């Protein structure tokens, strides 16, 4: 199977000289949940942001190496960054609904993309909310303020807002941070359905969550990708001692 994302010899250095990523090479395949885990400041979120060029917003940073999405270098001259971000969409750790109703949150990006037909908008809204396991909770209150939702509902709304644009890859940066166990379980359960249609790259809340949701996983430490493997192998018999030490709680 051809990878949907291919990363080769990737370095990322901040303006002050701090190396956030060091010679990372990695392939991500279609319709998998790939988890990036490791301690704080290991480069996980930086790598996610690079995948849809949110890194462009970091002043003075330097990038070496390549990231290809479906065979195209995403940093090549002439790449439509807006189109890239529709195809490789990111959901952040802190849910940030847009002002307006639940429906407005889901249709805003679609209207910006040029979709105006009401039947299409309504279909996309319902499908995205169902995929995010939120439809049954909000179907009778779509015109109410999105700010009235609970924390877990807001996070699933932000996921649905991303899904409404029908991306190919979804980047999840600690999407269950601060959620209660029930809401966390709903988000995790939705991943099994979503990977049938999307590729998911996720920074998890914990090693335990990584083990629950991942098809494959990669351990990052101080900007270095230490090892990558299928989850059932990586979390039970890691090849690198540093990975085992982190998984078993000896550090981090």
C-alpha atoms as a PDB file:
ATOM      1  CA  UNK A   1       0.000   0.000   0.000  1.00  0.00           C
ATOM      2  CA  UNK A   2       1.258   3.455  -0.895  1.00  0.00           C
ATOM      3  CA  UNK A   3       1.520   5.897   2.029  1.00  0.00           C
ATOM      4  CA  UNK A   4      -0.821   8.877   2.027  1.00  0.00           C
ATOM      5  CA  UNK A   5       1.822  10.920   3.884  1.00  0.00           C
ATOM      6  CA  UNK A   6       5.553  10.351   3.545  1.00  0.00           C
ATOM      7  CA  UNK A   7       8.060  12.228   5.720  1.00  0.00           C
ATOM      8  CA  UNK A   8      11.777  12.080   4.966  1.00  0.00           C
ATOM      9  CA  UNK A   9      14.756  13.466   6.925  1.00  0.00           C
ATOM     10  CA  UNK A  10      12.651  16.166   8.556  1.00  0.00           C
ATOM     11  CA  UNK A  11      14.266  18.757  10.802  1.00  0.00           C
ATOM     12  CA  UNK A  12      12.428  21.670  12.400  1.00  0.00           C
ATOM     13  CA  UNK A  13      14.348  24.408  14.222  1.00  0.00           C
ATOM     14  CA  UNK A  14      12.856  27.367  16.070  1.00  0.00           C
ATOM     15  CA  UNK A  15      14.176  30.906  15.707  1.00  0.00           C
ATOM     16  CA  UNK A  16      16.197  30.570  18.934  1.00  0.00           C
ATOM     17  CA  UNK A  17      18.000  27.503  17.600  1.00  0.00           C
ATOM     18  CA  UNK A  18      15.980  24.880  19.482  1.00  0.00           C
ATOM     19  CA  UNK A  19      15.633  21.713  17.412  1.00  0.00           C
ATOM     20  CA  UNK A  20      12.061  20.462  17.815  1.00  0.00           C
ATOM     21  CA  UNK A  21      12.412  17.639  15.279  1.00  0.00           C
ATOM     22  CA  UNK A  22      15.593  15.823  14.311  1.00  0.00           C
ATOM     23  CA  UNK A  23      15.823  13.752  11.144  1.00  0.00           C
ATOM     24  CA  UNK A  24      12.312  12.284  11.335  1.00  0.00           C
ATOM     25  CA  UNK A  25      11.306   9.819   8.602  1.00  0.00           C
ATOM     26  CA  UNK A  26       7.856   8.245   8.702  1.00  0.00           C
ATOM     27  CA  UNK A  27       5.117   6.863   6.449  1.00  0.00           C
ATOM     28  CA  UNK A  28       1.407   7.134   7.268  1.00  0.00           C
ATOM     29  CA  UNK A  29      -0.985   4.811   5.447  1.00  0.00           C
ATOM     30  CA  UNK A  30      -4.618   5.328   4.427  1.00  0.00           C
ATOM     31  CA  UNK A  31      -7.391   4.422   6.863  1.00  0.00           C
ATOM     32  CA  UNK A  32      -5.257   3.884   9.922  1.00  0.00           C
ATOM     33  CA  UNK A  33      -5.157   5.505  13.342  1.00  0.00           C
ATOM     34  CA  UNK A  34      -1.525   6.490  13.804  1.00  0.00           C
ATOM     35  CA  UNK A  35      -0.598   7.744  17.268  1.00  0.00           C
ATOM     36  CA  UNK A  36       2.394   9.960  18.104  1.00  0.00           C
ATOM     37  CA  UNK A  37       3.241   9.692  21.788  1.00  0.00           C
ATOM     38  CA  UNK A  38       6.044  10.813  24.069  1.00  0.00           C
ATOM     39  CA  UNK A  39       6.789  13.227  26.903  1.00  0.00           C
ATOM     40  CA  UNK A  40       6.179  16.969  26.787  1.00  0.00           C
ATOM     41  CA  UNK A  41       8.398  18.906  24.370  1.00  0.00           C
ATOM     42  CA  UNK A  42       9.156  15.806  22.322  1.00  0.00           C
ATOM     43  CA  UNK A  43       7.911  17.366  19.068  1.00  0.00           C
ATOM     44  CA  UNK A  44       4.499  15.725  18.744  1.00  0.00           C
ATOM     45  CA  UNK A  45       2.395  18.854  18.208  1.00  0.00           C
ATOM     46  CA  UNK A  46       5.110  20.434  16.073  1.00  0.00           C
ATOM     47  CA  UNK A  47       4.973  17.458  13.731  1.00  0.00           C
ATOM     48  CA  UNK A  48       1.178  17.632  13.516  1.00  0.00           C
ATOM     49  CA  UNK A  49       1.329  21.332  12.663  1.00  0.00           C
ATOM     50  CA  UNK A  50       3.862  20.699   9.935  1.00  0.00           C
ATOM     51  CA  UNK A  51       1.562  18.225   8.212  1.00  0.00           C
ATOM     52  CA  UNK A  52      -0.878  20.938   7.141  1.00  0.00           C
ATOM     53  CA  UNK A  53       1.574  23.840   7.254  1.00  0.00           C
ATOM     54  CA  UNK A  54       0.268  25.517  10.372  1.00  0.00           C
ATOM     55  CA  UNK A  55       3.996  25.752  11.021  1.00  0.00           C
ATOM     56  CA  UNK A  56       3.980  28.642   8.527  1.00  0.00           C
ATOM     57  CA  UNK A  57       2.678  30.785  11.396  1.00  0.00           C
ATOM     58  CA  UNK A  58       5.851  30.261  13.465  1.00  0.00           C
ATOM     59  CA  UNK A  59       8.109  33.210  12.704  1.00  0.00           C
ATOM     60  CA  UNK A  60      11.758  32.522  11.965  1.00  0.00           C
ATOM     61  CA  UNK A  61      11.535  28.732  12.066  1.00  0.00           C
ATOM     62  CA  UNK A  62      13.616  26.613   9.657  1.00  0.00           C
ATOM     63  CA  UNK A  63      12.518  23.401   7.961  1.00  0.00           C
ATOM     64  CA  UNK A  64      14.710  20.818   6.276  1.00  0.00           C
ATOM     65  CA  UNK A  65      13.559  17.597   4.645  1.00  0.00           C
ATOM     66  CA  UNK A  66      10.326  16.760   2.854  1.00  0.00           C
ATOM     67  CA  UNK A  67       6.702  15.981   3.619  1.00  0.00           C
ATOM     68  CA  UNK A  68       4.696  14.518   0.760  1.00  0.00           C
ATOM     69  CA  UNK A  69       0.919  14.282   0.785  1.00  0.00           C
ATOM     70  CA  UNK A  70      -0.320  11.881  -1.896  1.00  0.00           C
ATOM     71  CA  UNK A  71       3.024  12.185  -3.647  1.00  0.00           C
ATOM     72  CA  UNK A  72       3.221  16.000  -3.660  1.00  0.00           C
ATOM     73  CA  UNK A  73       5.720  17.995  -1.591  1.00  0.00           C
ATOM     74  CA  UNK A  74       3.525  20.188   0.596  1.00  0.00           C
ATOM     75  CA  UNK A  75       6.254  22.851   0.821  1.00  0.00           C
ATOM     76  CA  UNK A  76       6.723  23.095  -2.947  1.00  0.00           C
ATOM     77  CA  UNK A  77       6.227  26.469  -4.595  1.00  0.00           C
ATOM     78  CA  UNK A  78       2.656  26.957  -5.769  1.00  0.00           C
ATOM     79  CA  UNK A  79       0.987  24.640  -3.247  1.00  0.00           C
ATOM     80  CA  UNK A  80      -2.477  25.934  -2.308  1.00  0.00           C
ATOM     81  CA  UNK A  81      -2.183  25.944   1.488  1.00  0.00           C
ATOM     82  CA  UNK A  82      -5.916  26.572   2.019  1.00  0.00           C
ATOM     83  CA  UNK A  83      -6.764  23.548  -0.110  1.00  0.00           C
ATOM     84  CA  UNK A  84      -4.156  21.490   1.758  1.00  0.00           C
ATOM     85  CA  UNK A  85      -5.734  22.371   5.105  1.00  0.00           C
ATOM     86  CA  UNK A  86      -9.144  21.267   3.832  1.00  0.00           C
ATOM     87  CA  UNK A  87      -7.638  17.887   2.918  1.00  0.00           C
ATOM     88  CA  UNK A  88      -5.457  17.607   6.036  1.00  0.00           C
ATOM     89  CA  UNK A  89      -7.595  19.074   8.801  1.00  0.00           C
ATOM     90  CA  UNK A  90      -6.599  19.690  12.427  1.00  0.00           C
ATOM     91  CA  UNK A  91      -8.633  19.513  15.645  1.00  0.00           C
ATOM     92  CA  UNK A  92      -6.941  21.162  18.612  1.00  0.00           C
ATOM     93  CA  UNK A  93      -6.721  20.161  22.277  1.00  0.00           C
ATOM     94  CA  UNK A  94      -8.910  23.062  23.458  1.00  0.00           C
ATOM     95  CA  UNK A  95     -12.281  23.111  21.660  1.00  0.00           C
ATOM     96  CA  UNK A  96     -12.962  26.477  20.073  1.00  0.00           C
ATOM     97  CA  UNK A  97     -16.493  26.758  18.652  1.00  0.00           C
ATOM     98  CA  UNK A  98     -17.178  29.677  16.356  1.00  0.00           C
ATOM     99  CA  UNK A  99     -19.672  32.360  17.419  1.00  0.00           C
ATOM    100  CA  UNK A 100     -23.167  31.406  16.317  1.00  0.00           C
ATOM    101  CA  UNK A 101     -25.281  28.298  16.297  1.00  0.00           C
ATOM    102  CA  UNK A 102     -24.281  24.639  16.087  1.00  0.00           C
ATOM    103  CA  UNK A 103     -25.467  24.676  12.473  1.00  0.00           C
ATOM    104  CA  UNK A 104     -23.430  27.819  11.719  1.00  0.00           C
ATOM    105  CA  UNK A 105     -20.283  26.133  13.029  1.00  0.00           C
ATOM    106  CA  UNK A 106     -20.690  23.284  10.579  1.00  0.00           C
ATOM    107  CA  UNK A 107     -21.742  25.273   7.524  1.00  0.00           C
ATOM    108  CA  UNK A 108     -19.245  28.137   7.812  1.00  0.00           C
ATOM    109  CA  UNK A 109     -16.341  26.232   6.255  1.00  0.00           C
ATOM    110  CA  UNK A 110     -18.604  24.689   3.630  1.00  0.00           C
ATOM    111  CA  UNK A 111     -19.890  28.106   2.544  1.00  0.00           C
ATOM    112  CA  UNK A 112     -16.321  29.419   2.436  1.00  0.00           C
ATOM    113  CA  UNK A 113     -15.542  26.482   0.135  1.00  0.00           C
ATOM    114  CA  UNK A 114     -18.309  27.640  -2.201  1.00  0.00           C
ATOM    115  CA  UNK A 115     -21.083  25.228  -1.207  1.00  0.00           C
ATOM    116  CA  UNK A 116     -24.428  27.038  -1.180  1.00  0.00           C
ATOM    117  CA  UNK A 117     -27.115  24.450  -1.952  1.00  0.00           C
ATOM    118  CA  UNK A 118     -29.181  23.962   1.202  1.00  0.00           C
ATOM    119  CA  UNK A 119     -29.790  20.250   0.642  1.00  0.00           C
ATOM    120  CA  UNK A 120     -26.045  19.618   0.416  1.00  0.00           C
ATOM    121  CA  UNK A 121     -25.350  21.714   3.504  1.00  0.00           C
ATOM    122  CA  UNK A 122     -27.983  19.874   5.541  1.00  0.00           C
ATOM    123  CA  UNK A 123     -26.684  16.493   4.398  1.00  0.00           C
ATOM    124  CA  UNK A 124     -23.112  17.395   5.334  1.00  0.00           C
ATOM    125  CA  UNK A 125     -24.213  18.727   8.736  1.00  0.00           C
ATOM    126  CA  UNK A 126     -26.072  15.561   9.665  1.00  0.00           C
ATOM    127  CA  UNK A 127     -23.378  13.222   8.354  1.00  0.00           C
ATOM    128  CA  UNK A 128     -20.581  15.057  10.184  1.00  0.00           C
ATOM    129  CA  UNK A 129     -22.509  15.119  13.468  1.00  0.00           C
ATOM    130  CA  UNK A 130     -23.284  11.421  13.177  1.00  0.00           C
ATOM    131  CA  UNK A 131     -19.637  10.626  12.462  1.00  0.00           C
ATOM    132  CA  UNK A 132     -18.620  12.627  15.535  1.00  0.00           C
ATOM    133  CA  UNK A 133     -21.208  10.784  17.696  1.00  0.00           C
ATOM    134  CA  UNK A 134     -23.056  14.039  18.412  1.00  0.00           C
ATOM    135  CA  UNK A 135     -26.156  13.938  16.200  1.00  0.00           C
ATOM    136  CA  UNK A 136     -28.527  12.326  18.700  1.00  0.00           C
ATOM    137  CA  UNK A 137     -27.614  14.902  21.343  1.00  0.00           C
ATOM    138  CA  UNK A 138     -28.071  18.052  19.237  1.00  0.00           C
ATOM    139  CA  UNK A 139     -30.379  17.217  16.316  1.00  0.00           C
ATOM    140  CA  UNK A 140     -33.260  19.161  17.900  1.00  0.00           C
ATOM    141  CA  UNK A 141     -31.159  22.197  18.849  1.00  0.00           C
ATOM    142  CA  UNK A 142     -29.045  22.943  15.787  1.00  0.00           C
ATOM    143  CA  UNK A 143     -30.005  26.626  15.898  1.00  0.00           C
ATOM    144  CA  UNK A 144     -28.922  27.072  19.527  1.00  0.00           C
ATOM    145  CA  UNK A 145     -25.583  28.634  20.438  1.00  0.00           C
ATOM    146  CA  UNK A 146     -22.582  26.337  20.178  1.00  0.00           C
ATOM    147  CA  UNK A 147     -21.288  27.876  23.412  1.00  0.00           C
ATOM    148  CA  UNK A 148     -24.167  26.226  25.309  1.00  0.00           C
ATOM    149  CA  UNK A 149     -22.681  22.778  24.695  1.00  0.00           C
ATOM    150  CA  UNK A 150     -20.710  20.898  27.338  1.00  0.00           C
ATOM    151  CA  UNK A 151     -16.937  20.555  27.045  1.00  0.00           C
ATOM    152  CA  UNK A 152     -17.158  17.087  25.557  1.00  0.00           C
ATOM    153  CA  UNK A 153     -19.851  18.178  23.128  1.00  0.00           C
ATOM    154  CA  UNK A 154     -17.797  21.186  22.054  1.00  0.00           C
ATOM    155  CA  UNK A 155     -14.848  18.910  21.291  1.00  0.00           C
ATOM    156  CA  UNK A 156     -17.032  16.602  19.212  1.00  0.00           C
ATOM    157  CA  UNK A 157     -18.524  19.658  17.480  1.00  0.00           C
ATOM    158  CA  UNK A 158     -15.025  20.784  16.482  1.00  0.00           C
ATOM    159  CA  UNK A 159     -14.366  17.279  15.158  1.00  0.00           C
ATOM    160  CA  UNK A 160     -17.659  17.405  13.239  1.00  0.00           C
ATOM    161  CA  UNK A 161     -16.739  20.833  11.830  1.00  0.00           C
ATOM    162  CA  UNK A 162     -13.583  19.275  10.421  1.00  0.00           C
ATOM    163  CA  UNK A 163     -15.441  16.228   9.089  1.00  0.00           C
ATOM    164  CA  UNK A 164     -18.026  18.391   7.304  1.00  0.00           C
ATOM    165  CA  UNK A 165     -15.316  19.466   4.852  1.00  0.00           C
ATOM    166  CA  UNK A 166     -14.654  15.789   4.057  1.00  0.00           C
ATOM    167  CA  UNK A 167     -10.871  15.860   4.488  1.00  0.00           C
ATOM    168  CA  UNK A 168      -8.679  12.871   3.763  1.00  0.00           C
ATOM    169  CA  UNK A 169      -6.528  13.169   6.884  1.00  0.00           C
ATOM    170  CA  UNK A 170      -7.595  14.308  10.358  1.00  0.00           C
ATOM    171  CA  UNK A 171      -4.970  15.562  12.808  1.00  0.00           C
ATOM    172  CA  UNK A 172      -6.063  15.274  16.455  1.00  0.00           C
ATOM    173  CA  UNK A 173      -3.936  17.117  18.991  1.00  0.00           C
ATOM    174  CA  UNK A 174      -4.846  15.647  22.387  1.00  0.00           C
ATOM    175  CA  UNK A 175      -8.569  15.835  21.598  1.00  0.00           C
ATOM    176  CA  UNK A 176      -9.708  14.446  24.965  1.00  0.00           C
ATOM    177  CA  UNK A 177      -7.637  16.769  27.152  1.00  0.00           C
ATOM    178  CA  UNK A 178      -9.778  17.858  30.093  1.00  0.00           C
ATOM    179  CA  UNK A 179     -12.782  15.736  29.120  1.00  0.00           C
ATOM    180  CA  UNK A 180     -14.606  13.469  31.541  1.00  0.00           C
ATOM    181  CA  UNK A 181     -14.258   9.677  31.075  1.00  0.00           C
ATOM    182  CA  UNK A 182     -17.652   9.351  29.353  1.00  0.00           C
ATOM    183  CA  UNK A 183     -16.871  12.045  26.773  1.00  0.00           C
ATOM    184  CA  UNK A 184     -13.388  10.612  26.297  1.00  0.00           C
ATOM    185  CA  UNK A 185     -14.903   7.201  25.598  1.00  0.00           C
ATOM    186  CA  UNK A 186     -17.276   8.694  23.011  1.00  0.00           C
ATOM    187  CA  UNK A 187     -14.423  10.395  21.165  1.00  0.00           C
ATOM    188  CA  UNK A 188     -12.334   7.214  21.250  1.00  0.00           C
ATOM    189  CA  UNK A 189     -15.231   5.059  20.063  1.00  0.00           C
ATOM    190  CA  UNK A 190     -15.833   7.378  17.110  1.00  0.00           C
ATOM    191  CA  UNK A 191     -12.278   6.774  15.870  1.00  0.00           C
ATOM    192  CA  UNK A 192     -13.053   3.164  14.971  1.00  0.00           C
ATOM    193  CA  UNK A 193     -15.804   4.313  12.631  1.00  0.00           C
ATOM    194  CA  UNK A 194     -13.925   7.316  11.264  1.00  0.00           C
ATOM    195  CA  UNK A 195     -10.885   5.338  10.114  1.00  0.00           C
ATOM    196  CA  UNK A 196     -13.101   3.472   7.671  1.00  0.00           C
ATOM    197  CA  UNK A 197     -13.256   6.714   5.709  1.00  0.00           C
ATOM    198  CA  UNK A 198     -10.360   8.858   6.934  1.00  0.00           C
ATOM    199  CA  UNK A 199      -6.721   8.614   7.952  1.00  0.00           C
ATOM    200  CA  UNK A 200      -6.253   9.757  11.549  1.00  0.00           C
ATOM    201  CA  UNK A 201      -3.020  11.000  13.128  1.00  0.00           C
ATOM    202  CA  UNK A 202      -3.381  11.634  16.826  1.00  0.00           C
ATOM    203  CA  UNK A 203      -1.431  12.889  19.804  1.00  0.00           C
ATOM    204  CA  UNK A 204      -3.069  11.045  22.731  1.00  0.00           C
ATOM    205  CA  UNK A 205      -3.806  12.132  26.285  1.00  0.00           C
ATOM    206  CA  UNK A 206      -1.807   9.245  27.757  1.00  0.00           C
ATOM    207  CA  UNK A 207       0.123   6.091  26.939  1.00  0.00           C
ATOM    208  CA  UNK A 208      -2.947   4.100  27.954  1.00  0.00           C
ATOM    209  CA  UNK A 209      -5.091   5.949  25.439  1.00  0.00           C
ATOM    210  CA  UNK A 210      -2.448   5.415  22.767  1.00  0.00           C
ATOM    211  CA  UNK A 211      -2.609   1.689  23.388  1.00  0.00           C
ATOM    212  CA  UNK A 212      -6.418   1.677  23.183  1.00  0.00           C
ATOM    213  CA  UNK A 213      -6.882   3.570  19.917  1.00  0.00           C
ATOM    214  CA  UNK A 214      -3.761   3.083  17.769  1.00  0.00           C
ATOM    215  CA  UNK A 215      -3.314   0.778  14.802  1.00  0.00           C
ATOM    216  CA  UNK A 216       0.317   1.882  14.637  1.00  0.00           C
ATOM    217  CA  UNK A 217       2.259   4.201  16.888  1.00  0.00           C
ATOM    218  CA  UNK A 218       5.492   6.166  16.973  1.00  0.00           C
ATOM    219  CA  UNK A 219       7.465   7.177  20.065  1.00  0.00           C
ATOM    220  CA  UNK A 220       9.020  10.651  19.977  1.00  0.00           C
ATOM    221  CA  UNK A 221      11.707  11.728  22.431  1.00  0.00           C
ATOM    222  CA  UNK A 222      13.554  15.072  22.301  1.00  0.00           C
ATOM    223  CA  UNK A 223      12.541  15.514  18.662  1.00  0.00           C
ATOM    224  CA  UNK A 224      13.777  12.078  17.602  1.00  0.00           C
ATOM    225  CA  UNK A 225      11.439   9.358  16.315  1.00  0.00           C
ATOM    226  CA  UNK A 226      12.762   6.494  18.420  1.00  0.00           C
ATOM    227  CA  UNK A 227      10.677   3.677  16.951  1.00  0.00           C
ATOM    228  CA  UNK A 228       7.504   2.898  15.014  1.00  0.00           C
ATOM    229  CA  UNK A 229       5.505  -0.309  15.046  1.00  0.00           C
ATOM    230  CA  UNK A 230       2.046  -1.801  15.183  1.00  0.00           C
ATOM    231  CA  UNK A 231       0.463  -0.919  18.500  1.00  0.00           C
ATOM    232  CA  UNK A 232       0.187  -4.469  19.778  1.00  0.00           C
ATOM    233  CA  UNK A 233       3.933  -4.907  19.313  1.00  0.00           C
ATOM    234  CA  UNK A 234       5.107  -1.469  20.383  1.00  0.00           C
ATOM    235  CA  UNK A 235       3.232  -1.426  23.684  1.00  0.00           C
ATOM    236  CA  UNK A 236       4.050  -5.006  24.683  1.00  0.00           C
ATOM    237  CA  UNK A 237       7.566  -5.619  23.340  1.00  0.00           C
ATOM    238  CA  UNK A 238       9.252  -2.376  22.240  1.00  0.00           C
ATOM    239  CA  UNK A 239      12.634  -2.715  20.559  1.00  0.00           C
ATOM    240  CA  UNK A 240      14.230   0.350  22.161  1.00  0.00           C
ATOM    241  CA  UNK A 241      14.908   0.542  25.886  1.00  0.00           C
ATOM    242  CA  UNK A 242      13.888   4.210  25.939  1.00  0.00           C
ATOM    243  CA  UNK A 243      10.431   3.294  24.642  1.00  0.00           C
ATOM    244  CA  UNK A 244      10.025   0.603  27.275  1.00  0.00           C
ATOM    245  CA  UNK A 245      11.169   2.975  30.018  1.00  0.00           C
ATOM    246  CA  UNK A 246       8.573   5.566  28.973  1.00  0.00           C
ATOM    247  CA  UNK A 247       5.721   3.078  28.565  1.00  0.00           C
ATOM    248  CA  UNK A 248       6.414   1.546  31.974  1.00  0.00           C
ATOM    249  CA  UNK A 249       6.586   4.940  33.670  1.00  0.00           C
ATOM    250  CA  UNK A 250      10.296   5.053  34.484  1.00  0.00           C
ATOM    251  CA  UNK A 251      10.352   8.627  33.155  1.00  0.00           C
ATOM    252  CA  UNK A 252       8.019  11.186  31.589  1.00  0.00           C
END
